Amino acid sequence: MFALNFISPHNEKLLTARQKTATIRPGDIRDIYSENSIVWITFGKKYGPKKKLYQAIIDRSLVKKFSDLTKADLNHQNPELTSVEELIELFEGIYEKKLNIDDLVTIIHFSEVKD
């Protein structure tokens, strides 16, 4: 089983309240997060301990270029983002690599799986 990990305290609050149901990740990672897969939704710092929040099913995974992201896509990632350039800057800090407006991203929509 895979995990979708989140590191921002803002995301932890949204996830805990079940208000965040999608995330954007750099690259085409549909093979890792394929539709109908079950994943753990986790929270924790990179290379540190993680807290399991809940299990989820991947409802949809789609690929776009950064330049094709919509306001709704950005809102799913972080309601405070106002531009794709802001998202790229945020991701460059998180993923520690240079990103370009023409790079691909995967938008992963997920729903909680309740026992």
C-alpha atoms as a PDB file:
ATOM      1  CA  MET A   1       0.000   0.000   0.000  1.00  0.00           C
ATOM      2  CA  PHE A   2       1.193   3.497  -0.818  1.00  0.00           C
ATOM      3  CA  ALA A   3       0.817   6.704   1.166  1.00  0.00           C
ATOM      4  CA  LEU A   4      -0.045  10.236   0.158  1.00  0.00           C
ATOM      5  CA  ASN A   5       1.961  12.258   2.657  1.00  0.00           C
ATOM      6  CA  PHE A   6       1.364  15.921   3.437  1.00  0.00           C
ATOM      7  CA  ILE A   7       3.843  18.152   5.261  1.00  0.00           C
ATOM      8  CA  SER A   8       2.090  21.499   5.664  1.00  0.00           C
ATOM      9  CA  PRO A   9       0.265  22.097   8.972  1.00  0.00           C
ATOM     10  CA  HIS A  10      -2.415  23.835   6.881  1.00  0.00           C
ATOM     11  CA  ASN A  11      -2.982  20.572   4.992  1.00  0.00           C
ATOM     12  CA  GLU A  12      -3.160  18.572   8.212  1.00  0.00           C
ATOM     13  CA  LYS A  13      -6.074  20.730   9.369  1.00  0.00           C
ATOM     14  CA  LEU A  14      -7.874  20.404   6.023  1.00  0.00           C
ATOM     15  CA  LEU A  15      -7.296  16.640   5.896  1.00  0.00           C
ATOM     16  CA  THR A  16      -8.416  16.089   9.470  1.00  0.00           C
ATOM     17  CA  ALA A  17     -11.595  18.069   8.746  1.00  0.00           C
ATOM     18  CA  ARG A  18     -12.020  16.030   5.502  1.00  0.00           C
ATOM     19  CA  GLN A  19     -12.017  19.283   3.504  1.00  0.00           C
ATOM     20  CA  LYS A  20      -9.055  18.385   1.260  1.00  0.00           C
ATOM     21  CA  THR A  21      -9.882  15.737  -1.332  1.00  0.00           C
ATOM     22  CA  ALA A  22      -7.188  16.317  -3.955  1.00  0.00           C
ATOM     23  CA  THR A  23      -3.520  17.094  -4.249  1.00  0.00           C
ATOM     24  CA  ILE A  24      -1.119  18.120  -7.003  1.00  0.00           C
ATOM     25  CA  ARG A  25       2.249  16.365  -7.302  1.00  0.00           C
ATOM     26  CA  PRO A  26       5.112  17.043  -9.761  1.00  0.00           C
ATOM     27  CA  GLY A  27       5.578  14.639 -12.656  1.00  0.00           C
ATOM     28  CA  ASP A  28       3.412  11.934 -14.157  1.00  0.00           C
ATOM     29  CA  ILE A  29       2.942   9.572 -11.222  1.00  0.00           C
ATOM     30  CA  ARG A  30      -0.302   7.915 -12.317  1.00  0.00           C
ATOM     31  CA  ASP A  31       1.476   4.543 -12.253  1.00  0.00           C
ATOM     32  CA  ILE A  32       2.063   4.973  -8.500  1.00  0.00           C
ATOM     33  CA  TYR A  33      -1.289   6.576  -7.655  1.00  0.00           C
ATOM     34  CA  SER A  34      -3.564   4.818 -10.111  1.00  0.00           C
ATOM     35  CA  GLU A  35      -7.324   5.121  -9.977  1.00  0.00           C
ATOM     36  CA  ASN A  36      -9.096   2.760  -7.548  1.00  0.00           C
ATOM     37  CA  SER A  37      -5.915   2.234  -5.494  1.00  0.00           C
ATOM     38  CA  ILE A  38      -6.137   2.319  -1.711  1.00  0.00           C
ATOM     39  CA  VAL A  39      -3.601   4.610   0.017  1.00  0.00           C
ATOM     40  CA  TRP A  40      -2.875   5.882   3.488  1.00  0.00           C
ATOM     41  CA  ILE A  41      -3.330   9.631   3.928  1.00  0.00           C
ATOM     42  CA  THR A  42      -0.470  10.631   6.228  1.00  0.00           C
ATOM     43  CA  PHE A  43       1.022  13.752   7.729  1.00  0.00           C
ATOM     44  CA  GLY A  44       4.649  14.332   8.663  1.00  0.00           C
ATOM     45  CA  LYS A  45       7.907  15.980   7.784  1.00  0.00           C
ATOM     46  CA  LYS A  46      10.036  14.716   4.939  1.00  0.00           C
ATOM     47  CA  TYR A  47      12.348  11.949   6.215  1.00  0.00           C
ATOM     48  CA  GLY A  48      10.607  12.008   9.608  1.00  0.00           C
ATOM     49  CA  PRO A  49       7.885  10.071  11.392  1.00  0.00           C
ATOM     50  CA  LYS A  50       4.429  10.152   9.819  1.00  0.00           C
ATOM     51  CA  LYS A  51       0.982  10.091  11.394  1.00  0.00           C
ATOM     52  CA  LYS A  52      -1.666   7.949   9.683  1.00  0.00           C
ATOM     53  CA  LEU A  53      -4.849   9.984   9.301  1.00  0.00           C
ATOM     54  CA  TYR A  54      -7.079   7.611   7.313  1.00  0.00           C
ATOM     55  CA  GLN A  55      -7.289   5.315   4.311  1.00  0.00           C
ATOM     56  CA  ALA A  56      -8.494   6.681   0.997  1.00  0.00           C
ATOM     57  CA  ILE A  57      -9.256   5.477  -2.496  1.00  0.00           C
ATOM     58  CA  ILE A  58      -7.815   7.250  -5.518  1.00  0.00           C
ATOM     59  CA  ASP A  59     -10.886   8.382  -7.432  1.00  0.00           C
ATOM     60  CA  ARG A  60      -9.068  10.014 -10.302  1.00  0.00           C
ATOM     61  CA  SER A  61      -5.507  10.763 -11.386  1.00  0.00           C
ATOM     62  CA  LEU A  62      -4.945  13.116 -14.277  1.00  0.00           C
ATOM     63  CA  VAL A  63      -1.894  14.771 -15.771  1.00  0.00           C
ATOM     64  CA  LYS A  64      -1.563  18.384 -16.882  1.00  0.00           C
ATOM     65  CA  LYS A  65       1.234  20.856 -17.411  1.00  0.00           C
ATOM     66  CA  PHE A  66       1.724  23.447 -14.683  1.00  0.00           C
ATOM     67  CA  SER A  67       0.627  26.013 -17.275  1.00  0.00           C
ATOM     68  CA  ASP A  68      -2.730  24.231 -17.750  1.00  0.00           C
ATOM     69  CA  LEU A  69      -3.712  24.196 -14.071  1.00  0.00           C
ATOM     70  CA  THR A  70      -6.933  26.017 -13.284  1.00  0.00           C
ATOM     71  CA  LYS A  71      -7.872  28.100 -10.260  1.00  0.00           C
ATOM     72  CA  ALA A  72      -9.938  25.114  -9.073  1.00  0.00           C
ATOM     73  CA  ASP A  73      -6.861  22.861  -9.353  1.00  0.00           C
ATOM     74  CA  LEU A  74      -4.810  25.332  -7.306  1.00  0.00           C
ATOM     75  CA  ASN A  75      -7.621  25.593  -4.772  1.00  0.00           C
ATOM     76  CA  HIS A  76      -7.513  21.821  -4.215  1.00  0.00           C
ATOM     77  CA  GLN A  77      -3.798  22.056  -3.487  1.00  0.00           C
ATOM     78  CA  ASN A  78      -3.976  25.109  -1.236  1.00  0.00           C
ATOM     79  CA  PRO A  79      -6.808  27.686  -1.133  1.00  0.00           C
ATOM     80  CA  GLU A  80      -4.250  30.409  -0.392  1.00  0.00           C
ATOM     81  CA  LEU A  81      -2.391  29.951  -3.702  1.00  0.00           C
ATOM     82  CA  THR A  82      -3.084  32.699  -6.203  1.00  0.00           C
ATOM     83  CA  SER A  83      -0.972  31.589  -9.178  1.00  0.00           C
ATOM     84  CA  VAL A  84       0.789  28.678 -10.810  1.00  0.00           C
ATOM     85  CA  GLU A  85       4.080  30.518 -10.265  1.00  0.00           C
ATOM     86  CA  GLU A  86       3.418  30.449  -6.512  1.00  0.00           C
ATOM     87  CA  LEU A  87       2.799  26.708  -6.702  1.00  0.00           C
ATOM     88  CA  ILE A  88       6.035  26.163  -8.620  1.00  0.00           C
ATOM     89  CA  GLU A  89       7.964  28.176  -6.024  1.00  0.00           C
ATOM     90  CA  LEU A  90       6.343  26.187  -3.209  1.00  0.00           C
ATOM     91  CA  PHE A  91       7.133  22.877  -4.921  1.00  0.00           C
ATOM     92  CA  GLU A  92      10.756  23.859  -5.614  1.00  0.00           C
ATOM     93  CA  GLY A  93      11.194  24.284  -1.860  1.00  0.00           C
ATOM     94  CA  ILE A  94       9.433  21.041  -0.969  1.00  0.00           C
ATOM     95  CA  TYR A  95      10.946  18.830  -3.666  1.00  0.00           C
ATOM     96  CA  GLU A  96      14.339  20.594  -3.756  1.00  0.00           C
ATOM     97  CA  LYS A  97      14.550  20.765  -7.543  1.00  0.00           C
ATOM     98  CA  LYS A  98      14.030  23.328 -10.301  1.00  0.00           C
ATOM     99  CA  LEU A  99      10.620  23.168 -11.980  1.00  0.00           C
ATOM    100  CA  ASN A 100       9.342  24.735 -15.201  1.00  0.00           C
ATOM    101  CA  ILE A 101       5.907  26.014 -16.263  1.00  0.00           C
ATOM    102  CA  ASP A 102       5.843  23.295 -18.982  1.00  0.00           C
ATOM    103  CA  ASP A 103       6.581  20.440 -16.539  1.00  0.00           C
ATOM    104  CA  LEU A 104       3.902  17.836 -15.929  1.00  0.00           C
ATOM    105  CA  VAL A 105       1.972  17.432 -12.685  1.00  0.00           C
ATOM    106  CA  THR A 106      -0.468  14.789 -11.505  1.00  0.00           C
ATOM    107  CA  ILE A 107      -3.708  15.851  -9.869  1.00  0.00           C
ATOM    108  CA  ILE A 108      -4.827  13.122  -7.503  1.00  0.00           C
ATOM    109  CA  HIS A 109      -8.447  13.122  -6.304  1.00  0.00           C
ATOM    110  CA  PHE A 110      -9.169  10.883  -3.320  1.00  0.00           C
ATOM    111  CA  SER A 111     -12.010   9.924  -0.976  1.00  0.00           C
ATOM    112  CA  GLU A 112     -11.860   8.524   2.535  1.00  0.00           C
ATOM    113  CA  VAL A 113     -12.548   4.815   2.960  1.00  0.00           C
ATOM    114  CA  LYS A 114     -14.579   4.309   6.110  1.00  0.00           C
ATOM    115  CA  ASP A 115     -14.677   1.044   8.038  1.00  0.00           C
END
